[in-house]
């Protein structure tokens, strides 16, 4: 009886000693849990609203990019048609061909450039430049080609941008062609002028070809001074190489025909003297 009583008493000591330890664990756990900030629904809702705004902005930008690409495609195609119309020029139909080309260019401006302007006005249109830059370059090429064939002068950037202002809403920032796109279009112009000059030489208009040759030389000379000062000139450098080839091609054909004409004239004089 005594043994069993002592054993029972001794066995009760560990249990009594474990209670403070367990109490300490429970109190510590409750203190740690109370130190954590509760996660509120308001914070989750605010974050969700912000990311919804970002998603809506990106979706709208992508949709706008698609519309700009489609409008740019129409501008490019119809600007090329204007250039093809100009190349139909000859001695006998110059005024008629140029009038048709100018009407076609006006249609491109009113129908297709206006659609591009409406999509880009009032926005950070530089963000979408890659979507419309080639269309703008083609339009600049067509417009400057028409101006040269009509007046023998260069259509400058200020004049082109002034013609775009009536297409824009006056209450928002209008789309304006930047200097780089204008110069890239001007570089492409020299290739079309080279084709025009060779056509005029074959048609016997040597003086007109000489005028074209001088005009292309002037553009090339001025651009050689501008391009080294440009920050992003990698694409322009490639076009400068092509431009130089156009200048050389015009000069070679022009001088070849000029020498031929001089030889014919010299032979004619010698025959007259005989």
Protein backbone atom coordinates (compact mmCIF):
# COMPACT_ATOMS: atom_id res chain seq x y z
CA UNK A 1 0.00 0.00 0.00
CA UNK A 2 2.77 2.42 0.89
CA UNK A 3 4.68 1.54 -2.31
CA UNK A 4 1.71 2.04 -4.50
CA UNK A 5 0.89 5.36 -2.84
CA UNK A 6 4.43 6.66 -3.31
CA UNK A 7 4.47 5.55 -6.94
CA UNK A 8 1.24 7.37 -7.53
CA UNK A 9 2.60 10.50 -5.89
CA UNK A 10 5.83 10.43 -7.91
CA UNK A 11 4.03 9.85 -11.16
CA UNK A 12 1.98 12.99 -10.58
CA UNK A 13 5.05 15.31 -10.48
CA UNK A 14 5.88 15.35 -14.22
CA UNK A 15 2.34 16.16 -15.15
CA UNK A 16 2.30 19.04 -12.69
CA UNK A 17 5.61 20.31 -14.00
CA UNK A 18 4.42 20.21 -17.65
CA UNK A 19 1.51 22.49 -17.10
CA UNK A 20 3.56 25.73 -16.79
CA UNK A 21 5.51 24.75 -19.90
CA UNK A 22 2.34 24.17 -21.91
CA UNK A 23 0.88 27.42 -20.58
CA UNK A 24 4.00 29.26 -21.75
CA UNK A 25 3.65 27.77 -25.25
CA UNK A 26 -0.01 28.74 -25.46
CA UNK A 27 0.64 32.32 -24.30
CA UNK A 28 3.60 32.71 -26.69
CA UNK A 29 1.63 31.41 -29.63
CA UNK A 30 -1.24 33.77 -28.90
CA UNK A 31 1.17 36.73 -28.69
CA UNK A 32 2.78 35.83 -32.02
CA UNK A 33 -0.56 35.45 -33.73
CA UNK A 34 -1.77 38.76 -32.34
CA UNK A 35 1.33 40.57 -33.72
CA UNK A 36 0.46 39.69 -37.35
CA UNK A 37 -1.61 42.29 -39.21
CA UNK A 38 -4.86 40.90 -40.44
CA UNK A 39 -5.32 40.74 -44.24
CA UNK A 40 -8.13 43.07 -45.17
CA UNK A 41 -10.47 42.78 -48.14
CA UNK A 42 -9.99 46.49 -48.91
CA UNK A 43 -6.32 45.97 -49.79
CA UNK A 44 -7.09 43.07 -52.11
CA UNK A 45 -9.85 45.05 -53.81
CA UNK A 46 -7.60 48.10 -54.40
CA UNK A 47 -4.84 45.97 -55.92
CA UNK A 48 -7.32 44.21 -58.17
CA UNK A 49 -8.68 47.55 -59.41
CA UNK A 50 -5.18 48.80 -60.24
CA UNK A 51 -4.27 45.71 -62.24
CA UNK A 52 -7.63 45.87 -64.00
CA UNK A 53 -6.72 49.39 -65.12
CA UNK A 54 -3.35 48.15 -66.45
CA UNK A 55 -5.02 45.31 -68.32
CA UNK A 56 -7.61 47.65 -69.86
CA UNK A 57 -4.87 50.07 -70.95
CA UNK A 58 -2.83 47.33 -72.63
CA UNK A 59 -5.89 45.85 -74.34
CA UNK A 60 -6.88 49.26 -75.66
CA UNK A 61 -3.32 49.94 -76.86
CA UNK A 62 -3.18 46.60 -78.69
CA UNK A 63 -6.55 47.26 -80.34
CA UNK A 64 -5.38 50.70 -81.42
CA UNK A 65 -2.17 49.20 -82.80
CA UNK A 66 -4.19 46.81 -84.95
CA UNK A 67 -6.29 49.66 -86.33
CA UNK A 68 -3.17 51.73 -87.00
CA UNK A 69 -1.55 48.83 -88.87
CA UNK A 70 -4.62 48.46 -91.10
CA UNK A 71 -4.78 52.19 -91.81
CA UNK A 72 -1.04 52.27 -92.51
CA UNK A 73 -1.39 49.44 -95.00
CA UNK A 74 -3.96 51.45 -96.97
CA UNK A 75 -1.75 54.54 -96.89
CA UNK A 76 1.23 52.56 -98.20
CA UNK A 77 -0.67 50.86 -101.03
CA UNK A 78 -2.34 54.02 -102.30
CA UNK A 79 0.80 56.14 -101.98
CA UNK A 80 2.58 53.63 -104.21
CA UNK A 81 -0.22 54.05 -106.75
CA UNK A 82 0.48 57.80 -106.80
CA UNK A 83 4.16 57.12 -107.47
CA UNK A 84 3.32 54.70 -110.30
CA UNK A 85 1.05 57.35 -111.80
CA UNK A 86 3.88 59.89 -111.83
CA UNK A 87 6.15 57.44 -113.70
CA UNK A 88 3.66 57.45 -116.59
CA UNK A 89 4.82 60.95 -117.42
CA UNK A 90 6.14 61.69 -120.92
CA UNK A 91 6.73 64.65 -123.19
CA UNK A 92 3.14 64.77 -124.34
CA UNK A 93 1.11 64.00 -121.21
CA UNK A 94 3.01 65.73 -118.40
CA UNK A 95 0.21 68.04 -117.23
CA UNK A 96 -2.45 65.35 -117.50
CA UNK A 97 -0.41 62.77 -115.56
CA UNK A 98 0.56 65.21 -112.83
CA UNK A 99 -3.03 66.39 -112.39
CA UNK A 100 -4.17 62.80 -111.97
CA UNK A 101 -1.34 62.12 -109.50
CA UNK A 102 -2.22 65.18 -107.43
CA UNK A 103 -5.88 64.14 -107.28
CA UNK A 104 -4.85 60.64 -106.19
CA UNK A 105 -2.58 62.11 -103.52
CA UNK A 106 -5.40 64.29 -102.21
CA UNK A 107 -7.59 61.17 -102.00
CA UNK A 108 -4.88 59.39 -100.00
CA UNK A 109 -4.75 62.33 -97.60
CA UNK A 110 -8.52 62.67 -97.18
CA UNK A 111 -9.41 58.98 -96.99
CA UNK A 112 -6.44 57.15 -95.48
CA UNK A 113 -4.10 59.63 -93.79
CA UNK A 114 -7.12 61.17 -92.06
CA UNK A 115 -8.02 57.78 -90.62
CA UNK A 116 -4.47 57.38 -89.34
CA UNK A 117 -4.59 60.87 -87.83
CA UNK A 118 -7.84 60.15 -86.01
CA UNK A 119 -6.38 57.03 -84.46
CA UNK A 120 -3.20 58.74 -83.27
CA UNK A 121 -4.26 62.27 -82.37
CA UNK A 122 -4.31 63.11 -78.69
CA UNK A 123 -2.16 60.08 -77.78
CA UNK A 124 1.50 59.32 -77.25
CA UNK A 125 1.76 58.41 -80.93
CA UNK A 126 5.51 57.81 -80.63
CA UNK A 127 4.65 54.58 -78.80
CA UNK A 128 3.06 53.23 -81.99
CA UNK A 129 5.65 54.64 -84.42
CA UNK A 130 6.77 51.21 -85.60
CA UNK A 131 3.20 50.50 -86.71
CA UNK A 132 2.93 53.52 -89.02
CA UNK A 133 6.46 54.73 -89.84
CA UNK A 134 6.71 52.94 -93.22
CA UNK A 135 3.32 54.30 -94.30
CA UNK A 136 4.38 57.84 -93.43
CA UNK A 137 7.66 57.41 -95.31
CA UNK A 138 5.78 56.20 -98.40
CA UNK A 139 3.38 59.14 -98.15
CA UNK A 140 6.28 61.62 -97.86
CA UNK A 141 7.89 60.00 -100.89
CA UNK A 142 4.72 60.34 -102.98
CA UNK A 143 4.03 63.92 -101.88
CA UNK A 144 7.60 65.16 -102.49
CA UNK A 145 7.72 63.42 -105.88
CA UNK A 146 4.55 65.19 -107.00
CA UNK A 147 5.87 68.54 -105.82
CA UNK A 148 9.19 68.17 -107.61
CA UNK A 149 7.59 67.09 -110.88
CA UNK A 150 5.24 70.04 -110.77
CA UNK A 151 7.50 72.86 -109.55
CA UNK A 152 11.04 71.46 -109.41
CA UNK A 153 11.22 72.27 -105.69
CA UNK A 154 11.28 70.31 -102.44
CA UNK A 155 8.19 69.88 -100.27
CA UNK A 156 9.46 70.49 -96.74
CA UNK A 157 8.34 68.97 -93.44
CA UNK A 158 6.57 72.09 -92.22
CA UNK A 159 4.36 72.15 -95.30
CA UNK A 160 3.41 68.48 -94.91
CA UNK A 161 2.55 68.88 -91.24
CA UNK A 162 0.55 72.02 -92.00
CA UNK A 163 -1.55 70.02 -94.47
CA UNK A 164 -2.30 67.46 -91.73
CA UNK A 165 -3.57 69.99 -89.19
CA UNK A 166 -7.08 70.35 -90.72
CA UNK A 167 -7.51 66.57 -90.36
CA UNK A 168 -7.07 66.71 -86.58
CA UNK A 169 -9.43 67.72 -83.81
CA UNK A 170 -8.26 71.14 -82.63
CA UNK A 171 -8.94 70.24 -78.98
CA UNK A 172 -6.30 67.49 -78.85
CA UNK A 173 -2.66 67.15 -79.80
CA UNK A 174 -2.45 66.66 -83.58
CA UNK A 175 -0.39 63.98 -85.27
CA UNK A 176 2.79 65.47 -86.70
CA UNK A 177 5.33 63.67 -88.85
CA UNK A 178 8.72 63.64 -87.14
CA UNK A 179 12.02 64.61 -88.74
CA UNK A 180 13.36 61.05 -88.95
CA UNK A 181 10.37 59.70 -90.88
CA UNK A 182 10.51 62.70 -93.22
CA UNK A 183 14.22 62.21 -93.95
CA UNK A 184 13.74 58.48 -94.50
CA UNK A 185 10.98 59.24 -96.99
CA UNK A 186 13.20 61.82 -98.65
CA UNK A 187 15.95 59.22 -99.03
CA UNK A 188 13.48 56.91 -100.80
CA UNK A 189 12.49 59.82 -103.07
CA UNK A 190 15.94 59.82 -104.65
CA UNK A 191 15.41 56.26 -105.88
CA UNK A 192 12.19 57.26 -107.63
CA UNK A 193 13.90 60.31 -109.10
CA UNK A 194 16.64 58.05 -110.45
CA UNK A 195 14.01 55.96 -112.28
CA UNK A 196 12.32 59.11 -113.51
CA UNK A 197 15.61 60.54 -114.80
CA UNK A 198 16.48 57.36 -116.71
CA UNK A 199 13.02 57.37 -118.26
CA UNK A 200 13.40 61.00 -119.30
CA UNK A 201 16.83 60.27 -120.82
CA UNK A 202 15.41 57.43 -122.89
CA UNK A 203 12.61 59.75 -123.99
CA UNK A 204 15.10 62.38 -125.15
CA UNK A 205 14.52 64.88 -122.33
CA UNK A 206 18.17 65.20 -121.41
CA UNK A 207 17.84 68.67 -119.89
CA UNK A 208 15.08 67.50 -117.58
CA UNK A 209 17.25 64.55 -116.54
CA UNK A 210 20.09 66.97 -115.78
CA UNK A 211 17.73 68.95 -113.55
CA UNK A 212 16.77 65.77 -111.69
CA UNK A 213 20.42 64.81 -111.32
CA UNK A 214 21.30 68.16 -109.76
CA UNK A 215 18.32 67.93 -107.39
CA UNK A 216 19.34 64.46 -106.18
CA UNK A 217 22.94 65.63 -105.74
CA UNK A 218 21.75 68.50 -103.54
CA UNK A 219 19.66 66.19 -101.35
CA UNK A 220 22.54 63.76 -100.95
CA UNK A 221 25.01 66.52 -100.10
CA UNK A 222 22.73 68.03 -97.44
CA UNK A 223 21.95 64.66 -95.87
CA UNK A 224 25.65 63.81 -95.57
CA UNK A 225 25.86 66.78 -93.19
CA UNK A 226 22.75 65.86 -91.20
CA UNK A 227 22.99 62.07 -90.80
CA UNK A 228 26.18 62.01 -88.65
CA UNK A 229 24.39 64.24 -86.12
CA UNK A 230 21.41 61.91 -85.80
CA UNK A 231 21.12 59.69 -82.72
CA UNK A 232 19.33 56.81 -84.43
CA UNK A 233 20.86 56.77 -87.90
CA UNK A 234 21.45 53.06 -88.62
CA UNK A 235 18.52 52.83 -91.04
CA UNK A 236 19.41 56.19 -92.56
CA UNK A 237 23.00 55.08 -93.21
CA UNK A 238 21.75 52.13 -95.27
CA UNK A 239 19.56 54.43 -97.32
CA UNK A 240 22.46 56.83 -97.84
CA UNK A 241 24.40 54.05 -99.54
CA UNK A 242 21.46 53.36 -101.86
CA UNK A 243 21.11 57.09 -102.48
CA UNK A 244 24.73 57.36 -103.57
CA UNK A 245 24.16 54.51 -106.01
CA UNK A 246 21.18 56.40 -107.44
CA UNK A 247 23.27 59.55 -107.88
CA UNK A 248 26.03 57.61 -109.66
CA UNK A 249 23.50 55.84 -111.89
CA UNK A 250 21.90 59.12 -112.99
CA UNK A 251 25.26 60.78 -113.62
CA UNK A 252 26.60 57.84 -115.65
CA UNK A 253 23.52 57.65 -117.86
CA UNK A 254 23.34 61.41 -118.24
CA UNK A 255 27.02 61.79 -119.18
CA UNK A 256 26.85 58.81 -121.54
CA UNK A 257 23.94 60.40 -123.44
CA UNK A 258 25.59 63.84 -123.34
CA UNK A 259 28.79 62.47 -124.88
CA UNK A 260 26.76 60.66 -127.51
CA UNK A 261 24.91 63.86 -128.40
CA UNK A 262 28.18 65.79 -128.56
CA UNK A 263 29.76 63.19 -130.85
CA UNK A 264 26.75 63.27 -133.15
CA UNK A 265 26.90 67.05 -133.23
CA UNK A 266 30.66 66.98 -133.91
CA UNK A 267 30.26 64.45 -136.75
CA UNK A 268 27.49 66.56 -138.21
CA UNK A 269 29.71 69.64 -138.22
CA UNK A 270 32.55 67.75 -139.86
CA UNK A 271 30.22 66.48 -142.56
CA UNK A 272 28.92 69.99 -143.15
CA UNK A 273 32.47 71.29 -143.56
CA UNK A 274 33.22 68.64 -146.14
